[in-house]
Amino acid sequence: MIGIIVISHGKFAEHLIKSAELIVGRQEKIVPVHLLEGESPERFEEKLREAFRNVKSDHGVLILSDLFGGSTVRVAARFLFDEEKVEVVAGVNMPMLLEVLLNREDTDLKKLVKIAVDAGKSGVVDFREKIEKNVKG
C-alpha cells in the first residue's frame, strides 16, 4: 500500500482526510502535516520527515500538497531528491484524495500520480455550465 501524506497551510489537511474517511472509511498509512502560523520551514520539514517515516512503504509515498509554489510544497520537493519512491502532487482536493485512497493498493506510484492529477482536474466543475449542457443535450 502506498503511503499518503497530505500537507497544508493550517489544518486543511487534517480536515480533508477526516472528510474523505466519512466517505471511504478509516484509512491506514495516511497522515496530515500542517504548516502553522509562525512556524518555520525547518520545523515543518521536521514534522514532514517524521510523517514520512510513519507512512513509508516499499510501494512508495505520495505527498499531496494544498498549493503549488507555497512553502509546504517547496519543503516537500526536497523529498524527491532525498528519498526513493516519493512523488509530490500540488492542488489537493476531495476528488483527488478519494481517488488516491481508492486506488493506492492496486496501482504503482507513477500511475497513482496520474490518477491524482486527473481526478483533481475533473473534480472542478462549473455546475451551471454542466446543467445547461445536459439540458441542451
N, C-alpha and C. Protein backbone atom coordinates (compact mmCIF):
# COMPACT_ATOMS: atom_id res chain seq x y z
N MET A 1 0.84 -1.18 0.00
CA MET A 1 0.00 0.00 0.00
C MET A 1 0.88 1.24 0.00
N ILE A 2 0.58 2.16 -0.89
CA ILE A 2 1.32 3.42 -0.97
C ILE A 2 0.92 4.30 0.20
N GLY A 3 1.91 4.84 0.91
CA GLY A 3 1.67 5.76 2.00
C GLY A 3 1.29 7.13 1.46
N ILE A 4 0.44 7.84 2.21
CA ILE A 4 -0.04 9.16 1.78
C ILE A 4 0.23 10.18 2.88
N ILE A 5 0.78 11.31 2.50
CA ILE A 5 0.93 12.46 3.40
C ILE A 5 0.21 13.62 2.74
N VAL A 6 -0.70 14.24 3.47
CA VAL A 6 -1.39 15.43 2.97
C VAL A 6 -0.84 16.62 3.75
N ILE A 7 -0.29 17.59 3.04
CA ILE A 7 0.32 18.75 3.69
C ILE A 7 -0.44 20.01 3.34
N SER A 8 -0.49 20.93 4.32
CA SER A 8 -1.26 22.15 4.07
C SER A 8 -0.83 23.29 4.98
N HIS A 9 -1.23 24.49 4.56
CA HIS A 9 -1.16 25.67 5.42
C HIS A 9 -2.36 25.57 6.36
N GLY A 10 -2.14 25.64 7.65
CA GLY A 10 -3.24 25.46 8.60
C GLY A 10 -3.67 24.01 8.64
N LYS A 11 -4.84 23.76 9.18
CA LYS A 11 -5.28 22.38 9.41
C LYS A 11 -6.18 21.81 8.31
N PHE A 12 -6.10 22.39 7.13
CA PHE A 12 -6.86 21.90 5.99
C PHE A 12 -6.63 20.41 5.75
N ALA A 13 -5.38 19.96 5.82
CA ALA A 13 -5.04 18.56 5.53
C ALA A 13 -5.77 17.61 6.47
N GLU A 14 -5.77 17.92 7.75
CA GLU A 14 -6.45 17.07 8.74
C GLU A 14 -7.94 16.96 8.43
N HIS A 15 -8.56 18.08 8.14
CA HIS A 15 -10.00 18.09 7.88
C HIS A 15 -10.35 17.41 6.55
N LEU A 16 -9.49 17.56 5.57
CA LEU A 16 -9.71 16.90 4.29
C LEU A 16 -9.67 15.38 4.47
N ILE A 17 -8.70 14.89 5.22
CA ILE A 17 -8.60 13.45 5.48
C ILE A 17 -9.83 12.95 6.23
N LYS A 18 -10.23 13.67 7.27
CA LYS A 18 -11.41 13.26 8.04
C LYS A 18 -12.65 13.23 7.16
N SER A 19 -12.79 14.20 6.29
CA SER A 19 -13.95 14.24 5.38
C SER A 19 -13.91 13.07 4.41
N ALA A 20 -12.75 12.75 3.87
CA ALA A 20 -12.62 11.62 2.96
C ALA A 20 -12.96 10.31 3.66
N GLU A 21 -12.55 10.19 4.91
CA GLU A 21 -12.83 8.97 5.67
C GLU A 21 -14.32 8.80 5.96
N LEU A 22 -15.07 9.88 5.97
CA LEU A 22 -16.53 9.77 6.08
C LEU A 22 -17.11 9.02 4.89
N ILE A 23 -16.45 9.14 3.76
CA ILE A 23 -16.93 8.52 2.52
C ILE A 23 -16.36 7.13 2.31
N VAL A 24 -15.05 6.95 2.52
CA VAL A 24 -14.40 5.67 2.19
C VAL A 24 -14.02 4.85 3.42
N GLY A 25 -14.30 5.36 4.60
CA GLY A 25 -13.95 4.63 5.82
C GLY A 25 -12.54 4.95 6.30
N ARG A 26 -12.27 4.50 7.51
CA ARG A 26 -10.98 4.75 8.16
C ARG A 26 -9.84 4.21 7.29
N GLN A 27 -8.76 4.96 7.21
CA GLN A 27 -7.62 4.63 6.36
C GLN A 27 -6.34 4.46 7.17
N GLU A 28 -5.49 3.58 6.69
CA GLU A 28 -4.15 3.38 7.27
C GLU A 28 -3.12 4.08 6.40
N LYS A 29 -1.97 4.32 6.98
CA LYS A 29 -0.84 4.91 6.28
C LYS A 29 -1.18 6.20 5.56
N ILE A 30 -1.91 7.07 6.26
CA ILE A 30 -2.18 8.42 5.76
C ILE A 30 -2.10 9.37 6.95
N VAL A 31 -1.35 10.45 6.78
CA VAL A 31 -1.21 11.42 7.87
C VAL A 31 -1.24 12.84 7.31
N PRO A 32 -1.78 13.77 8.10
CA PRO A 32 -1.70 15.18 7.73
C PRO A 32 -0.46 15.82 8.36
N VAL A 33 0.08 16.81 7.68
CA VAL A 33 1.16 17.61 8.26
C VAL A 33 0.81 19.06 7.95
N HIS A 34 0.79 19.88 8.99
CA HIS A 34 0.35 21.27 8.86
C HIS A 34 1.51 22.24 9.06
N LEU A 35 1.52 23.28 8.25
CA LEU A 35 2.39 24.42 8.48
C LEU A 35 1.53 25.44 9.22
N LEU A 36 1.83 25.63 10.48
CA LEU A 36 1.02 26.50 11.32
C LEU A 36 1.58 27.92 11.34
N GLU A 37 0.74 28.85 11.68
CA GLU A 37 1.14 30.26 11.73
C GLU A 37 2.35 30.44 12.63
N GLY A 38 3.36 31.14 12.13
CA GLY A 38 4.56 31.42 12.89
C GLY A 38 5.58 30.29 12.91
N GLU A 39 5.26 29.19 12.28
CA GLU A 39 6.15 28.03 12.28
C GLU A 39 7.20 28.18 11.17
N SER A 40 8.41 27.81 11.47
CA SER A 40 9.49 27.93 10.48
C SER A 40 9.43 26.78 9.48
N PRO A 41 9.96 27.02 8.28
CA PRO A 41 10.06 25.93 7.31
C PRO A 41 10.88 24.76 7.84
N GLU A 42 11.86 25.04 8.67
CA GLU A 42 12.68 23.97 9.25
C GLU A 42 11.85 23.08 10.17
N ARG A 43 10.99 23.68 10.97
CA ARG A 43 10.13 22.89 11.85
C ARG A 43 9.12 22.09 11.03
N PHE A 44 8.58 22.70 9.98
CA PHE A 44 7.66 21.98 9.11
C PHE A 44 8.37 20.78 8.48
N GLU A 45 9.60 20.96 8.05
CA GLU A 45 10.35 19.85 7.46
C GLU A 45 10.57 18.73 8.47
N GLU A 46 10.85 19.07 9.71
CA GLU A 46 11.00 18.04 10.76
C GLU A 46 9.71 17.22 10.89
N LYS A 47 8.59 17.90 10.91
CA LYS A 47 7.29 17.21 11.03
C LYS A 47 7.03 16.34 9.79
N LEU A 48 7.40 16.85 8.63
CA LEU A 48 7.19 16.10 7.40
C LEU A 48 8.08 14.86 7.37
N ARG A 49 9.30 14.97 7.82
CA ARG A 49 10.22 13.81 7.87
C ARG A 49 9.69 12.74 8.84
N GLU A 50 9.15 13.17 9.97
CA GLU A 50 8.56 12.22 10.92
C GLU A 50 7.35 11.51 10.29
N ALA A 51 6.51 12.27 9.63
CA ALA A 51 5.34 11.68 8.97
C ALA A 51 5.79 10.69 7.90
N PHE A 52 6.82 11.04 7.17
CA PHE A 52 7.35 10.16 6.13
C PHE A 52 7.78 8.82 6.72
N ARG A 53 8.48 8.87 7.83
CA ARG A 53 8.90 7.63 8.50
C ARG A 53 7.69 6.78 8.90
N ASN A 54 6.60 7.43 9.29
CA ASN A 54 5.41 6.72 9.75
C ASN A 54 4.61 6.05 8.62
N VAL A 55 4.68 6.58 7.41
CA VAL A 55 3.89 6.01 6.31
C VAL A 55 4.74 5.34 5.23
N LYS A 56 6.05 5.39 5.39
CA LYS A 56 6.96 4.84 4.38
C LYS A 56 6.58 3.40 4.06
N SER A 57 6.66 3.08 2.78
CA SER A 57 6.25 1.77 2.29
C SER A 57 7.17 1.36 1.16
N ASP A 58 7.30 0.06 0.94
CA ASP A 58 8.07 -0.43 -0.20
C ASP A 58 7.45 0.01 -1.51
N HIS A 59 6.17 0.32 -1.49
CA HIS A 59 5.44 0.75 -2.68
C HIS A 59 5.58 2.24 -2.93
N GLY A 60 6.08 2.99 -1.95
CA GLY A 60 6.31 4.41 -2.11
C GLY A 60 5.41 5.28 -1.24
N VAL A 61 5.64 6.58 -1.36
CA VAL A 61 4.88 7.58 -0.61
C VAL A 61 4.47 8.68 -1.58
N LEU A 62 3.20 9.06 -1.50
CA LEU A 62 2.68 10.16 -2.29
C LEU A 62 2.37 11.31 -1.34
N ILE A 63 2.97 12.46 -1.61
CA ILE A 63 2.72 13.67 -0.82
C ILE A 63 1.78 14.56 -1.62
N LEU A 64 0.63 14.87 -1.02
CA LEU A 64 -0.36 15.74 -1.65
C LEU A 64 -0.33 17.09 -0.93
N SER A 65 -0.07 18.15 -1.66
CA SER A 65 0.06 19.48 -1.08
C SER A 65 -1.12 20.36 -1.47
N ASP A 66 -1.43 21.31 -0.61
CA ASP A 66 -2.55 22.20 -0.87
C ASP A 66 -2.29 23.22 -1.97
N LEU A 67 -1.04 23.63 -2.17
CA LEU A 67 -0.79 24.78 -3.01
C LEU A 67 0.54 24.66 -3.73
N PHE A 68 0.52 24.76 -5.04
CA PHE A 68 1.76 24.77 -5.81
C PHE A 68 2.48 26.09 -5.58
N GLY A 69 3.77 26.01 -5.32
CA GLY A 69 4.57 27.21 -5.13
C GLY A 69 4.62 27.70 -3.70
N GLY A 70 3.79 27.13 -2.82
CA GLY A 70 3.78 27.55 -1.42
C GLY A 70 4.93 26.92 -0.64
N SER A 71 5.08 27.36 0.58
CA SER A 71 6.14 26.84 1.46
C SER A 71 6.06 25.34 1.64
N THR A 72 4.83 24.82 1.74
CA THR A 72 4.67 23.39 2.00
C THR A 72 5.23 22.56 0.86
N VAL A 73 4.91 22.89 -0.35
CA VAL A 73 5.36 22.09 -1.49
C VAL A 73 6.85 22.29 -1.76
N ARG A 74 7.37 23.46 -1.44
CA ARG A 74 8.82 23.67 -1.62
C ARG A 74 9.60 22.77 -0.67
N VAL A 75 9.13 22.61 0.56
CA VAL A 75 9.79 21.70 1.50
C VAL A 75 9.61 20.26 1.03
N ALA A 76 8.42 19.91 0.61
CA ALA A 76 8.15 18.54 0.15
C ALA A 76 9.00 18.17 -1.06
N ALA A 77 9.29 19.13 -1.91
CA ALA A 77 10.08 18.86 -3.12
C ALA A 77 11.46 18.31 -2.78
N ARG A 78 11.97 18.63 -1.63
CA ARG A 78 13.28 18.09 -1.22
C ARG A 78 13.25 16.58 -1.13
N PHE A 79 12.09 16.02 -0.81
CA PHE A 79 11.96 14.57 -0.68
C PHE A 79 12.15 13.87 -2.03
N LEU A 80 11.88 14.57 -3.12
CA LEU A 80 12.07 14.00 -4.45
C LEU A 80 13.53 13.64 -4.68
N PHE A 81 14.42 14.38 -4.04
CA PHE A 81 15.85 14.18 -4.22
C PHE A 81 16.48 13.39 -3.08
N ASP A 82 15.86 13.44 -1.90
CA ASP A 82 16.43 12.78 -0.72
C ASP A 82 15.97 11.35 -0.53
N GLU A 83 14.83 11.00 -1.09
CA GLU A 83 14.22 9.68 -0.83
C GLU A 83 13.89 8.99 -2.15
N GLU A 84 13.82 7.68 -2.09
CA GLU A 84 13.38 6.90 -3.25
C GLU A 84 11.88 6.69 -3.16
N LYS A 85 11.26 6.49 -4.30
CA LYS A 85 9.84 6.18 -4.38
C LYS A 85 8.96 7.22 -3.66
N VAL A 86 9.17 8.47 -4.03
CA VAL A 86 8.37 9.58 -3.50
C VAL A 86 7.92 10.43 -4.67
N GLU A 87 6.66 10.83 -4.62
CA GLU A 87 6.13 11.77 -5.61
C GLU A 87 5.35 12.85 -4.86
N VAL A 88 5.27 14.04 -5.46
CA VAL A 88 4.56 15.17 -4.87
C VAL A 88 3.58 15.71 -5.90
N VAL A 89 2.33 15.90 -5.47
CA VAL A 89 1.30 16.49 -6.32
C VAL A 89 0.71 17.68 -5.56
N ALA A 90 0.63 18.83 -6.21
CA ALA A 90 0.07 20.03 -5.58
C ALA A 90 -1.35 20.27 -6.08
N GLY A 91 -2.15 20.92 -5.23
CA GLY A 91 -3.53 21.26 -5.58
C GLY A 91 -4.53 20.23 -5.09
N VAL A 92 -4.23 19.61 -3.98
CA VAL A 92 -5.10 18.54 -3.47
C VAL A 92 -6.53 19.04 -3.25
N ASN A 93 -7.49 18.20 -3.63
CA ASN A 93 -8.90 18.47 -3.36
C ASN A 93 -9.57 17.14 -3.02
N MET A 94 -10.84 17.17 -2.67
CA MET A 94 -11.53 15.95 -2.25
C MET A 94 -11.58 14.89 -3.35
N PRO A 95 -11.95 15.21 -4.59
CA PRO A 95 -11.96 14.17 -5.62
C PRO A 95 -10.59 13.51 -5.78
N MET A 96 -9.54 14.30 -5.73
CA MET A 96 -8.19 13.75 -5.85
C MET A 96 -7.89 12.78 -4.71
N LEU A 97 -8.13 13.22 -3.49
CA LEU A 97 -7.83 12.38 -2.34
C LEU A 97 -8.65 11.09 -2.36
N LEU A 98 -9.91 11.17 -2.69
CA LEU A 98 -10.75 9.97 -2.74
C LEU A 98 -10.22 8.97 -3.77
N GLU A 99 -9.89 9.42 -4.95
CA GLU A 99 -9.36 8.51 -5.97
C GLU A 99 -8.03 7.90 -5.56
N VAL A 100 -7.18 8.69 -4.93
CA VAL A 100 -5.91 8.17 -4.43
C VAL A 100 -6.15 7.07 -3.40
N LEU A 101 -7.04 7.33 -2.46
CA LEU A 101 -7.32 6.34 -1.41
C LEU A 101 -7.93 5.07 -2.00
N LEU A 102 -8.78 5.20 -2.99
CA LEU A 102 -9.44 4.04 -3.58
C LEU A 102 -8.52 3.23 -4.50
N ASN A 103 -7.42 3.83 -4.96
CA ASN A 103 -6.55 3.16 -5.93
C ASN A 103 -5.14 2.84 -5.44
N ARG A 104 -4.77 3.23 -4.25
CA ARG A 104 -3.38 3.11 -3.83
C ARG A 104 -2.91 1.69 -3.56
N GLU A 105 -3.82 0.76 -3.40
CA GLU A 105 -3.42 -0.63 -3.18
C GLU A 105 -3.24 -1.40 -4.48
N ASP A 106 -3.86 -0.93 -5.56
CA ASP A 106 -3.91 -1.70 -6.80
C ASP A 106 -3.08 -1.10 -7.93
N THR A 107 -2.26 -0.11 -7.65
CA THR A 107 -1.50 0.53 -8.71
C THR A 107 -0.13 0.93 -8.21
N ASP A 108 0.75 1.28 -9.13
CA ASP A 108 2.08 1.73 -8.71
C ASP A 108 2.07 3.24 -8.52
N LEU A 109 3.15 3.74 -7.96
CA LEU A 109 3.22 5.15 -7.58
C LEU A 109 3.08 6.09 -8.78
N LYS A 110 3.72 5.79 -9.89
CA LYS A 110 3.64 6.67 -11.07
C LYS A 110 2.21 6.74 -11.60
N LYS A 111 1.52 5.61 -11.65
CA LYS A 111 0.13 5.61 -12.12
C LYS A 111 -0.77 6.34 -11.14
N LEU A 112 -0.46 6.22 -9.84
CA LEU A 112 -1.27 6.90 -8.84
C LEU A 112 -1.15 8.41 -8.98
N VAL A 113 0.01 8.90 -9.36
CA VAL A 113 0.18 10.34 -9.60
C VAL A 113 -0.74 10.78 -10.73
N LYS A 114 -0.79 10.03 -11.80
CA LYS A 114 -1.68 10.37 -12.92
C LYS A 114 -3.14 10.34 -12.49
N ILE A 115 -3.52 9.32 -11.73
CA ILE A 115 -4.89 9.23 -11.21
C ILE A 115 -5.21 10.46 -10.36
N ALA A 116 -4.27 10.86 -9.51
CA ALA A 116 -4.47 12.02 -8.63
C ALA A 116 -4.69 13.30 -9.44
N VAL A 117 -3.82 13.53 -10.40
CA VAL A 117 -3.92 14.76 -11.20
C VAL A 117 -5.21 14.78 -12.02
N ASP A 118 -5.52 13.65 -12.65
CA ASP A 118 -6.75 13.59 -13.45
C ASP A 118 -7.99 13.82 -12.60
N ALA A 119 -8.04 13.18 -11.43
CA ALA A 119 -9.21 13.33 -10.54
C ALA A 119 -9.31 14.75 -10.01
N GLY A 120 -8.18 15.35 -9.67
CA GLY A 120 -8.19 16.73 -9.18
C GLY A 120 -8.74 17.69 -10.21
N LYS A 121 -8.32 17.51 -11.46
CA LYS A 121 -8.79 18.38 -12.54
C LYS A 121 -10.27 18.15 -12.84
N SER A 122 -10.67 16.89 -12.96
CA SER A 122 -12.06 16.61 -13.34
C SER A 122 -13.04 16.90 -12.21
N GLY A 123 -12.52 17.06 -11.00
CA GLY A 123 -13.39 17.36 -9.87
C GLY A 123 -13.78 18.82 -9.77
N VAL A 124 -13.19 19.65 -10.60
CA VAL A 124 -13.53 21.08 -10.61
C VAL A 124 -14.52 21.30 -11.75
N VAL A 125 -15.76 21.65 -11.39
CA VAL A 125 -16.84 21.71 -12.35
C VAL A 125 -17.64 23.01 -12.18
N ASP A 126 -17.92 23.67 -13.28
CA ASP A 126 -18.85 24.79 -13.28
C ASP A 126 -20.24 24.18 -13.35
N PHE A 127 -20.94 24.17 -12.24
CA PHE A 127 -22.20 23.45 -12.11
C PHE A 127 -23.25 23.98 -13.09
N ARG A 128 -23.37 25.30 -13.21
CA ARG A 128 -24.37 25.88 -14.13
C ARG A 128 -24.08 25.43 -15.57
N GLU A 129 -22.83 25.51 -15.95
CA GLU A 129 -22.46 25.09 -17.31
C GLU A 129 -22.80 23.61 -17.53
N LYS A 130 -22.52 22.78 -16.57
CA LYS A 130 -22.81 21.35 -16.66
C LYS A 130 -24.31 21.10 -16.82
N ILE A 131 -25.12 21.79 -16.02
CA ILE A 131 -26.57 21.63 -16.10
C ILE A 131 -27.09 22.09 -17.46
N GLU A 132 -26.63 23.27 -17.88
CA GLU A 132 -27.11 23.81 -19.15
C GLU A 132 -26.70 22.93 -20.32
N LYS A 133 -25.51 22.37 -20.27
CA LYS A 133 -25.05 21.48 -21.33
C LYS A 133 -25.91 20.22 -21.37
N ASN A 134 -26.28 19.69 -20.20
CA ASN A 134 -27.12 18.48 -20.13
C ASN A 134 -28.55 18.77 -20.58
N VAL A 135 -29.07 19.95 -20.29
CA VAL A 135 -30.42 20.31 -20.68
C VAL A 135 -30.50 20.48 -22.19
N LYS A 136 -29.48 21.13 -22.76
CA LYS A 136 -29.47 21.36 -24.20
C LYS A 136 -29.17 20.07 -24.97
N GLY A 137 -28.55 19.11 -24.25
CA GLY A 137 -28.30 17.78 -24.74
C GLY A 137 -27.53 17.65 -25.94
